Structures are given as structure tokens and as C-alpha cells.
Amino acid sequence: MKILIVSDEESKYYWDYYQPGRLDEVDLILSCGDLKPDYLTFLVTMGHAPLLYVHGNHDGIYERRPPEGCVSVEDRILNIAGLRILGLGGSLLYSGGPHQYSERQMRRRINKLRWKLLRAGGVDIVLTHAPARGYGDADDLAHRGFEAFLPLLDKYKPRYLIHGHVHMSYGADIPRMRSYGETTLINGYERYILDLPDIQVSGFLMPANW
């Protein structure tokens, strides 16, 4: 399975300078937020892959004009080709804008998912906008990660936590990947292809609980 991860900045490769066929090998698209709804609609229209998204802290427009043909995975677990994907969008509360949460509010969101996690038998990919605190975040309040994510990773040990919010253009020393225990953390800024050769797919993917 090839997963296209997008976040925070529209990729010129897939947007301004798109050429037919560039999405042909993509089986699934995951958006970590802060992208124009028209861009996500374009990706899901030009490719054959389903697109799952969470909200970024600048995605208030989604309430009025959500990306067409795409599926929000906020506070849900969707199973696609055996991959259990959990969505927890938004950033740490810093200005009172949409899709901002305090640590307490994020912990409450995660606690409400415990029965879904139990029924699913865990989770393979946690899709977020903000990173985990201390792992790919920044010191300023607007770009600080959630401490609430760390117990989730400790308990369920997902294969991946995929986030955005911290642009890799902010500094040359911001890595694309890092590790936390058994979980690989991926900064999805702009675009990244995650290749999972152990997940075999054929035809159009439909979530088991769409």
C-alpha cells in the first residue's frame, strides 16, 4: 500500500504543476489539516484513492465548505485494508479559534474513544494535526504538541502517528521522522509517500465502517 500524506501547504507537484497519472499508484490519502478544501477535492477527484482528513487549526472554512468526496476521521476509527486509523485533529488552545483544544479537552476526546479502541483491538495509525509534546513540536504555545497523545501511544503502540502543524520550512533541523517507543512519528508537511509493502491492496479501497 502506498499512502500519500499531505498537510499545511498545498504541494505544487500535485496542485500547480499536476500531470495526469501522478496519483495512479496512491492507494490512500491522509490529510493532517490546514489545507484548502478545493485542494483535497482535487486530489480525491484526480486519483482513485479514498481521502481521510482531520482538521487543522486554520480549517474553519470546512464547516461551511467541506472538501467534497473526502471523509473526516475526527474522533473515529476507520478500517481500511486492515489498517485501523484514528483521527484527532486540531491544535493546542492558544487564541480561542476553531479546532483548538486544551490538554483537558484533548484527554477527554481520547477517553471517549476507549470503547471504540477496545472493539477495534487497538489502532495502527493515529492521524493528528498537532504533534505529541516534545516530539516534533515547538516551544511557542501555538505550535506546542499535546501531552495527551503520549499515554495513547504508550498504551496502544500504534505503528505510526502522523501529524502536521509544524512546517518543516520553519528550520533545516526539523526531521521528517522520529521515534517514540514502538511508534514512528511522521511530519506530514506538504507531501510524503509512506510505502507499506506488507499491506496488499487490490482495486478501490472502501473503509469497513465508512
Protein backbone atom coordinates (compact mmCIF):
# COMPACT_ATOMS: atom_id res chain seq x y z
CA MET A 1 0.00 0.00 0.00
CA LYS A 2 1.18 3.49 -0.86
CA ILE A 3 -0.18 6.29 1.31
CA LEU A 4 0.10 9.92 0.27
CA ILE A 5 0.32 12.17 3.33
CA VAL A 6 -0.43 15.87 2.89
CA SER A 7 -0.50 18.75 5.35
CA ASP A 8 -0.26 22.52 5.87
CA GLU A 9 0.87 23.61 2.42
CA GLU A 10 -0.54 22.63 -0.97
CA SER A 11 2.07 20.69 -2.92
CA LYS A 12 2.93 22.33 -6.23
CA TYR A 13 3.77 18.84 -7.52
CA TYR A 14 0.16 17.71 -7.04
CA TRP A 15 -1.55 21.09 -7.49
CA ASP A 16 0.08 23.85 -9.57
CA TYR A 17 2.10 21.52 -11.80
CA TYR A 18 -0.05 18.41 -11.65
CA GLN A 19 0.27 15.96 -14.54
CA PRO A 20 -2.18 13.10 -15.18
CA GLY A 21 -1.06 9.82 -13.65
CA ARG A 22 0.84 11.20 -10.69
CA LEU A 23 -1.72 9.76 -8.28
CA ASP A 24 -2.17 6.41 -10.03
CA GLU A 25 -0.02 4.44 -7.57
CA VAL A 26 -1.51 6.05 -4.46
CA ASP A 27 -3.89 3.73 -2.57
CA LEU A 28 -4.87 6.07 0.27
CA ILE A 29 -4.55 9.80 1.02
CA LEU A 30 -4.30 11.14 4.57
CA SER A 31 -4.58 14.86 5.28
CA CYS A 32 -3.29 16.28 8.57
CA GLY A 33 -5.09 19.58 8.11
CA ASP A 34 -4.62 23.25 7.21
CA LEU A 35 -5.21 22.67 3.51
CA LYS A 36 -7.70 24.27 1.14
CA PRO A 37 -10.84 22.17 0.68
CA ASP A 38 -10.52 22.61 -3.10
CA TYR A 39 -7.09 21.00 -2.95
CA LEU A 40 -8.35 17.91 -1.14
CA THR A 41 -11.30 17.67 -3.53
CA PHE A 42 -8.85 17.86 -6.44
CA LEU A 43 -6.69 15.05 -5.04
CA VAL A 44 -9.61 12.68 -4.46
CA THR A 45 -11.04 13.50 -7.90
CA MET A 46 -7.86 13.08 -9.92
CA GLY A 47 -6.80 9.89 -8.12
CA HIS A 48 -8.62 6.67 -7.33
CA ALA A 49 -7.79 6.60 -3.60
CA PRO A 50 -10.08 7.50 -0.70
CA LEU A 51 -9.03 10.56 1.28
CA LEU A 52 -9.35 10.77 5.06
CA TYR A 53 -8.73 14.03 6.90
CA VAL A 54 -8.60 15.74 10.26
CA HIS A 55 -8.97 19.46 10.86
CA GLY A 56 -6.12 21.85 11.33
CA ASN A 57 -6.44 24.99 13.42
CA HIS A 58 -6.98 27.05 10.24
CA ASP A 59 -9.73 24.84 8.77
CA GLY A 60 -12.78 26.75 9.96
CA ILE A 61 -13.87 27.01 6.31
CA TYR A 62 -14.56 23.24 6.33
CA GLU A 63 -17.70 23.89 8.38
CA ARG A 64 -19.17 25.92 5.53
CA ARG A 65 -17.48 24.21 2.61
CA PRO A 66 -16.06 20.76 3.43
CA PRO A 67 -13.82 19.01 0.90
CA GLU A 68 -16.04 17.05 -1.46
CA GLY A 69 -15.65 13.29 -1.74
CA CYS A 70 -13.45 13.16 1.36
CA VAL A 71 -14.15 11.62 4.77
CA SER A 72 -13.49 13.18 8.15
CA VAL A 73 -11.97 10.70 10.59
CA GLU A 74 -12.26 13.05 13.58
CA ASP A 75 -12.92 11.06 16.76
CA ARG A 76 -13.47 7.91 14.70
CA ILE A 77 -11.61 4.72 13.86
CA LEU A 78 -11.87 3.60 10.25
CA ASN A 79 -10.54 0.28 8.99
CA ILE A 80 -9.02 0.38 5.52
CA ALA A 81 -7.35 -2.76 4.17
CA GLY A 82 -6.78 -3.88 7.75
CA LEU A 83 -5.28 -0.58 8.88
CA ARG A 84 -7.10 0.93 11.85
CA ILE A 85 -6.91 4.71 11.51
CA LEU A 86 -7.87 7.06 14.35
CA GLY A 87 -8.30 10.82 13.84
CA LEU A 88 -7.64 13.55 16.42
CA GLY A 89 -7.36 16.92 14.68
CA GLY A 90 -6.83 20.40 15.99
CA SER A 91 -4.09 22.22 17.85
CA LEU A 92 -3.42 23.27 21.42
CA LEU A 93 -5.63 26.14 22.57
CA TYR A 94 -3.79 29.42 22.04
CA SER A 95 -6.23 32.02 20.66
CA GLY A 96 -9.73 30.60 21.09
CA GLY A 97 -10.15 29.90 17.39
CA PRO A 98 -11.83 26.85 15.84
CA HIS A 99 -10.33 23.41 16.28
CA GLN A 100 -8.23 24.39 19.28
CA TYR A 101 -8.29 22.32 22.45
CA SER A 102 -6.88 22.45 25.94
CA GLU A 103 -4.96 19.46 27.23
CA ARG A 104 -8.01 18.55 29.31
CA GLN A 105 -10.30 18.69 26.29
CA MET A 106 -7.97 16.51 24.23
CA ARG A 107 -7.70 13.96 27.06
CA ARG A 108 -11.50 13.90 27.19
CA ARG A 109 -11.68 13.25 23.43
CA ILE A 110 -9.26 10.35 23.77
CA ASN A 111 -11.10 8.90 26.78
CA LYS A 112 -14.36 8.90 24.84
CA LEU A 113 -12.70 6.67 22.25
CA ARG A 114 -11.69 3.90 24.65
CA TRP A 115 -14.63 1.62 23.76
CA LYS A 116 -14.04 2.12 20.05
CA LEU A 117 -10.38 1.28 20.58
CA LEU A 118 -11.36 -1.79 22.56
CA ARG A 119 -13.73 -3.02 19.84
CA ALA A 120 -11.13 -2.33 17.15
CA GLY A 121 -8.45 -4.16 19.11
CA GLY A 122 -6.19 -1.10 19.06
CA VAL A 123 -5.04 1.28 16.38
CA ASP A 124 -2.38 1.25 13.66
CA ILE A 125 -2.27 4.90 12.58
CA VAL A 126 -3.10 7.94 14.70
CA LEU A 127 -3.78 10.87 12.36
CA THR A 128 -3.45 14.26 14.03
CA HIS A 129 -2.78 17.88 13.19
CA ALA A 130 -0.60 18.74 16.18
CA PRO A 131 2.38 16.58 17.16
CA ALA A 132 2.93 14.96 20.54
CA ARG A 133 4.51 17.19 23.17
CA GLY A 134 8.29 17.03 22.99
CA TYR A 135 8.35 15.07 19.73
CA GLY A 136 8.35 17.34 16.71
CA ASP A 137 6.62 20.34 18.28
CA ALA A 138 7.91 23.83 19.10
CA ASP A 139 8.17 25.85 22.30
CA ASP A 140 5.71 28.60 21.39
CA LEU A 141 2.16 27.98 22.58
CA ALA A 142 0.63 27.95 19.07
CA HIS A 143 2.89 25.08 17.93
CA ARG A 144 3.22 23.12 21.15
CA GLY A 145 2.19 19.48 20.93
CA PHE A 146 -0.27 17.57 23.12
CA GLU A 147 0.96 15.70 26.17
CA ALA A 148 -2.34 13.79 25.98
CA PHE A 149 -1.05 11.88 22.96
CA LEU A 150 1.78 10.24 24.89
CA PRO A 151 -0.35 7.91 27.10
CA LEU A 152 -2.27 6.93 23.95
CA LEU A 153 0.99 5.89 22.29
CA ASP A 154 2.21 4.15 25.44
CA LYS A 155 -0.95 2.07 25.78
CA TYR A 156 -1.83 1.16 22.18
CA LYS A 157 1.60 1.34 20.48
CA PRO A 158 0.35 2.29 17.01
CA ARG A 159 2.71 1.79 14.10
CA TYR A 160 2.51 5.46 13.19
CA LEU A 161 1.47 8.85 14.48
CA ILE A 162 1.18 11.18 11.51
CA HIS A 163 0.90 14.91 12.16
CA GLY A 164 1.32 18.32 10.57
CA HIS A 165 1.19 21.82 12.11
CA VAL A 166 4.97 22.29 12.42
CA HIS A 167 6.15 23.24 8.95
CA MET A 168 9.48 21.72 8.01
CA SER A 169 10.26 25.04 6.34
CA TYR A 170 10.48 26.59 9.82
CA GLY A 171 14.01 25.23 10.16
CA ALA A 172 16.52 22.99 8.42
CA ASP A 173 16.87 20.82 11.52
CA ILE A 174 13.24 19.66 11.61
CA PRO A 175 13.24 15.93 10.77
CA ARG A 176 10.59 14.19 8.72
CA MET A 177 10.61 11.15 11.03
CA ARG A 178 11.41 10.33 14.62
CA SER A 179 10.54 7.54 17.05
CA TYR A 180 8.63 7.23 20.29
CA GLY A 181 8.80 3.73 21.72
CA GLU A 182 7.40 1.38 19.08
CA THR A 183 5.72 4.22 17.15
CA THR A 184 7.19 6.04 14.17
CA LEU A 185 6.24 9.72 14.17
CA ILE A 186 5.92 11.34 10.73
CA ASN A 187 5.69 15.05 10.00
CA GLY A 188 3.33 15.17 7.00
CA TYR A 189 4.25 18.71 5.94
CA GLU A 190 3.48 19.40 2.26
CA ARG A 191 3.68 15.83 0.90
CA TYR A 192 5.18 12.47 1.82
CA ILE A 193 4.71 8.95 0.48
CA LEU A 194 4.50 6.20 3.10
CA ASP A 195 5.06 2.83 1.47
CA LEU A 196 3.71 -0.19 3.36
CA PRO A 197 4.71 -3.25 1.31
CA ASP A 198 3.24 -5.59 3.94
CA ILE A 199 -0.27 -4.24 3.24
CA GLN A 200 -1.52 -5.64 -0.06
CA VAL A 201 -4.47 -3.97 -1.76
CA SER A 202 -6.36 -4.52 -4.98
CA GLY A 203 -8.92 -2.25 -6.59
CA PHE A 204 -10.62 0.70 -4.91
CA LEU A 205 -10.35 0.77 -1.15
CA MET A 206 -13.52 1.23 0.88
CA PRO A 207 -13.38 1.60 4.66
CA ALA A 208 -15.09 -1.23 6.51
CA ASN A 209 -17.02 1.33 8.58
CA TRP A 210 -17.40 4.23 6.17
